[in-house]
Amino acid sequence: MPEWRDLLTPENLAALERFIAAQEERESVPAAVNGILADWLSGQGYLPVEELPEGED
């Protein structure tokens, strides 16, 4: 089975690694990809938008 690094272009992998490094809690590559994809799919209307409780953002 291919590794995540084999599935991404070098540019996307570098951007993903910068994204992970900038997070307070660093995630694994699969966890980061899953979160980014869920955010994008929610924004496009394919997944329900998770609403934060009042006062959180």
Protein backbone atom coordinates (compact mmCIF):
# COMPACT_ATOMS: atom_id res chain seq x y z
CA MET A 1 0.00 0.00 0.00
CA PRO A 2 1.40 3.41 -0.92
CA GLU A 3 2.43 5.87 1.76
CA TRP A 4 0.70 9.28 2.00
CA ARG A 5 3.90 10.87 0.73
CA ASP A 6 3.59 8.84 -2.47
CA LEU A 7 0.03 10.06 -3.12
CA LEU A 8 0.70 13.80 -2.93
CA THR A 9 2.56 16.08 -5.28
CA PRO A 10 5.76 17.51 -3.79
CA GLU A 11 4.13 20.95 -3.59
CA ASN A 12 1.05 19.66 -1.76
CA LEU A 13 3.17 17.57 0.60
CA ALA A 14 5.36 20.57 1.47
CA ALA A 15 2.27 22.71 2.10
CA LEU A 16 0.73 19.96 4.23
CA GLU A 17 3.91 19.66 6.29
CA ARG A 18 3.91 23.46 6.83
CA PHE A 19 0.25 23.29 7.87
CA ILE A 20 0.96 20.51 10.39
CA ALA A 21 3.99 22.36 11.78
CA ALA A 22 1.90 25.50 12.35
CA GLN A 23 -0.71 23.69 14.45
CA GLU A 24 -0.54 23.78 18.25
CA GLU A 25 -1.14 20.03 18.40
CA ARG A 26 0.73 18.39 15.57
CA GLU A 27 -1.25 15.69 13.83
CA SER A 28 -0.16 12.78 11.70
CA VAL A 29 -0.34 13.28 7.95
CA PRO A 30 -3.48 11.07 7.62
CA ALA A 31 -5.23 12.90 10.48
CA ALA A 32 -4.37 16.31 8.97
CA VAL A 33 -5.58 15.24 5.51
CA ASN A 34 -8.81 13.89 7.02
CA GLY A 35 -9.43 17.17 8.88
CA ILE A 36 -8.67 19.33 5.87
CA LEU A 37 -10.90 17.19 3.65
CA ALA A 38 -13.75 17.29 6.20
CA ASP A 39 -13.47 21.10 6.36
CA TRP A 40 -13.55 21.39 2.58
CA LEU A 41 -16.43 18.93 2.18
CA SER A 42 -18.42 20.78 4.84
CA GLY A 43 -17.77 24.07 3.08
CA GLN A 44 -19.03 22.58 -0.19
CA GLY A 45 -22.17 21.20 1.45
CA TYR A 46 -21.27 17.51 1.17
CA LEU A 47 -20.93 17.06 4.94
CA PRO A 48 -22.99 18.70 7.65
CA VAL A 49 -21.29 21.74 9.16
CA GLU A 50 -20.26 21.13 12.75
CA GLU A 51 -21.43 24.06 14.81
CA LEU A 52 -19.38 25.17 17.79
CA PRO A 53 -21.15 25.70 21.10
CA GLU A 54 -21.93 29.35 21.81
CA GLY A 55 -18.88 31.30 22.93
CA GLU A 56 -16.35 29.02 21.24
CA ASP A 57 -14.51 29.81 18.02
